Amino acid sequence: MLLNLLAAPDPSSPPSAPNPVPIAPPGMEEMANTFLGWGKWSLLVAGVLGFFICAGMMIIGRRNRSQTAVDGAAGVPWVLAGLALTSLAAGIAGVALS
């Protein structure tokens, strides 16, 4: 009896956990799409505003305030990265959950 407990498990049939596909609860799919659409629109507006702020800092910092211009130019890659992450968010989440 003790010998059977110490035996290695059968490698031909590894255990597997269930992995169902995502299914929206009834009535929630339209609400979720609306909510995500509002979020994407808000982030798009924030990205445009971020570019405006960076451009304004570069314009203001042109004369005798070079650090302001540098800070404005340094903000451009961050705005681009945020917008890129926003546009790729659904794909990244889909890959992470599959």
C-alpha atoms as a PDB file:
ATOM      1  CA  MET A   1       0.000   0.000   0.000  1.00  0.00           C
ATOM      2  CA  LEU A   2       2.767   2.441   0.911  1.00  0.00           C
ATOM      3  CA  LEU A   3       4.561   1.559  -2.314  1.00  0.00           C
ATOM      4  CA  ASN A   4       1.569   2.740  -4.389  1.00  0.00           C
ATOM      5  CA  LEU A   5       1.500   6.129  -2.640  1.00  0.00           C
ATOM      6  CA  LEU A   6       5.158   6.750  -3.431  1.00  0.00           C
ATOM      7  CA  ALA A   7       4.818   5.831  -7.118  1.00  0.00           C
ATOM      8  CA  ALA A   8       5.243   8.588  -9.690  1.00  0.00           C
ATOM      9  CA  PRO A   9       2.066   9.847 -11.388  1.00  0.00           C
ATOM     10  CA  ASP A  10       1.257   8.694 -14.913  1.00  0.00           C
ATOM     11  CA  PRO A  11       2.903  11.260 -17.301  1.00  0.00           C
ATOM     12  CA  SER A  12       0.650  10.298 -20.232  1.00  0.00           C
ATOM     13  CA  SER A  13      -2.317  12.274 -18.870  1.00  0.00           C
ATOM     14  CA  PRO A  14      -1.243  15.567 -17.290  1.00  0.00           C
ATOM     15  CA  PRO A  15      -3.922  17.326 -15.253  1.00  0.00           C
ATOM     16  CA  SER A  16      -5.454  20.419 -16.830  1.00  0.00           C
ATOM     17  CA  ALA A  17      -7.529  23.231 -15.415  1.00  0.00           C
ATOM     18  CA  PRO A  18     -10.633  24.449 -17.235  1.00  0.00           C
ATOM     19  CA  ASN A  19     -10.034  27.468 -19.467  1.00  0.00           C
ATOM     20  CA  PRO A  20     -13.363  28.829 -20.774  1.00  0.00           C
ATOM     21  CA  VAL A  21     -13.632  31.685 -23.261  1.00  0.00           C
ATOM     22  CA  PRO A  22     -14.728  35.060 -21.857  1.00  0.00           C
ATOM     23  CA  ILE A  23     -18.496  35.565 -22.061  1.00  0.00           C
ATOM     24  CA  ALA A  24     -20.212  38.842 -21.210  1.00  0.00           C
ATOM     25  CA  PRO A  25     -23.048  38.624 -18.698  1.00  0.00           C
ATOM     26  CA  PRO A  26     -26.458  39.260 -20.250  1.00  0.00           C
ATOM     27  CA  GLY A  27     -27.025  42.982 -20.779  1.00  0.00           C
ATOM     28  CA  MET A  28     -23.484  43.977 -19.788  1.00  0.00           C
ATOM     29  CA  GLU A  29     -21.776  43.866 -23.185  1.00  0.00           C
ATOM     30  CA  GLU A  30     -23.290  47.126 -24.453  1.00  0.00           C
ATOM     31  CA  MET A  31     -22.587  48.882 -21.144  1.00  0.00           C
ATOM     32  CA  ALA A  32     -18.963  47.668 -21.149  1.00  0.00           C
ATOM     33  CA  ASN A  33     -18.467  48.826 -24.762  1.00  0.00           C
ATOM     34  CA  THR A  34     -19.897  52.236 -23.865  1.00  0.00           C
ATOM     35  CA  PHE A  35     -17.644  52.527 -20.818  1.00  0.00           C
ATOM     36  CA  LEU A  36     -14.530  51.482 -22.794  1.00  0.00           C
ATOM     37  CA  GLY A  37     -15.464  53.886 -25.586  1.00  0.00           C
ATOM     38  CA  TRP A  38     -15.690  56.754 -23.108  1.00  0.00           C
ATOM     39  CA  GLY A  39     -12.288  55.800 -21.695  1.00  0.00           C
ATOM     40  CA  LYS A  40     -10.656  55.668 -25.129  1.00  0.00           C
ATOM     41  CA  TRP A  41     -12.195  59.021 -26.089  1.00  0.00           C
ATOM     42  CA  SER A  42     -11.009  60.592 -22.804  1.00  0.00           C
ATOM     43  CA  LEU A  43      -7.469  59.315 -23.340  1.00  0.00           C
ATOM     44  CA  LEU A  44      -7.474  60.616 -26.919  1.00  0.00           C
ATOM     45  CA  VAL A  45      -8.485  64.074 -25.677  1.00  0.00           C
ATOM     46  CA  ALA A  46      -5.798  63.860 -22.961  1.00  0.00           C
ATOM     47  CA  GLY A  47      -3.201  62.921 -25.614  1.00  0.00           C
ATOM     48  CA  VAL A  48      -4.085  65.913 -27.785  1.00  0.00           C
ATOM     49  CA  LEU A  49      -4.008  68.144 -24.708  1.00  0.00           C
ATOM     50  CA  GLY A  50      -0.625  66.682 -23.770  1.00  0.00           C
ATOM     51  CA  PHE A  51       0.774  67.530 -27.216  1.00  0.00           C
ATOM     52  CA  PHE A  52      -0.623  71.065 -26.885  1.00  0.00           C
ATOM     53  CA  ILE A  53       1.029  71.480 -23.482  1.00  0.00           C
ATOM     54  CA  CYS A  54       4.377  70.165 -24.777  1.00  0.00           C
ATOM     55  CA  ALA A  55       4.205  72.480 -27.790  1.00  0.00           C
ATOM     56  CA  GLY A  56       3.301  75.442 -25.589  1.00  0.00           C
ATOM     57  CA  MET A  57       6.222  74.760 -23.279  1.00  0.00           C
ATOM     58  CA  MET A  58       8.557  74.569 -26.267  1.00  0.00           C
ATOM     59  CA  ILE A  59       7.197  77.850 -27.652  1.00  0.00           C
ATOM     60  CA  ILE A  60       7.383  79.658 -24.296  1.00  0.00           C
ATOM     61  CA  GLY A  61      10.817  78.279 -23.529  1.00  0.00           C
ATOM     62  CA  ARG A  62      12.287  79.425 -26.838  1.00  0.00           C
ATOM     63  CA  ARG A  63      13.598  82.711 -25.449  1.00  0.00           C
ATOM     64  CA  ASN A  64      15.728  82.759 -22.289  1.00  0.00           C
ATOM     65  CA  ARG A  65      13.882  79.832 -20.716  1.00  0.00           C
ATOM     66  CA  SER A  66      15.607  76.901 -22.327  1.00  0.00           C
ATOM     67  CA  GLN A  67      14.795  74.464 -19.505  1.00  0.00           C
ATOM     68  CA  THR A  68      11.078  74.943 -20.173  1.00  0.00           C
ATOM     69  CA  ALA A  69      11.612  74.094 -23.844  1.00  0.00           C
ATOM     70  CA  VAL A  70      13.639  71.023 -22.894  1.00  0.00           C
ATOM     71  CA  ASP A  71      10.916  69.849 -20.503  1.00  0.00           C
ATOM     72  CA  GLY A  72       8.314  70.307 -23.236  1.00  0.00           C
ATOM     73  CA  ALA A  73      10.377  68.320 -25.732  1.00  0.00           C
ATOM     74  CA  ALA A  74      11.019  65.610 -23.139  1.00  0.00           C
ATOM     75  CA  GLY A  75       7.263  65.218 -22.646  1.00  0.00           C
ATOM     76  CA  VAL A  76       6.558  64.342 -26.304  1.00  0.00           C
ATOM     77  CA  PRO A  77       7.814  60.705 -26.081  1.00  0.00           C
ATOM     78  CA  TRP A  78       5.726  60.156 -22.949  1.00  0.00           C
ATOM     79  CA  VAL A  79       2.582  61.402 -24.686  1.00  0.00           C
ATOM     80  CA  LEU A  80       3.351  59.163 -27.673  1.00  0.00           C
ATOM     81  CA  ALA A  81       3.966  56.175 -25.394  1.00  0.00           C
ATOM     82  CA  GLY A  82       0.682  56.766 -23.568  1.00  0.00           C
ATOM     83  CA  LEU A  83      -1.266  56.996 -26.821  1.00  0.00           C
ATOM     84  CA  ALA A  84       0.467  53.876 -28.175  1.00  0.00           C
ATOM     85  CA  LEU A  85      -0.394  51.951 -25.015  1.00  0.00           C
ATOM     86  CA  THR A  86      -3.990  53.154 -25.278  1.00  0.00           C
ATOM     87  CA  SER A  87      -4.298  51.942 -28.853  1.00  0.00           C
ATOM     88  CA  LEU A  88      -2.681  48.572 -28.061  1.00  0.00           C
ATOM     89  CA  ALA A  89      -4.464  47.942 -24.748  1.00  0.00           C
ATOM     90  CA  ALA A  90      -7.145  45.594 -26.071  1.00  0.00           C
ATOM     91  CA  GLY A  91      -4.608  43.525 -28.027  1.00  0.00           C
ATOM     92  CA  ILE A  92      -2.209  43.277 -25.091  1.00  0.00           C
ATOM     93  CA  ALA A  93      -4.987  42.237 -22.696  1.00  0.00           C
ATOM     94  CA  GLY A  94      -6.238  39.669 -25.216  1.00  0.00           C
ATOM     95  CA  VAL A  95      -2.799  38.117 -25.596  1.00  0.00           C
ATOM     96  CA  ALA A  96      -2.206  38.099 -21.853  1.00  0.00           C
ATOM     97  CA  LEU A  97      -5.473  36.276 -21.188  1.00  0.00           C
ATOM     98  CA  SER A  98      -5.150  33.706 -23.969  1.00  0.00           C
END
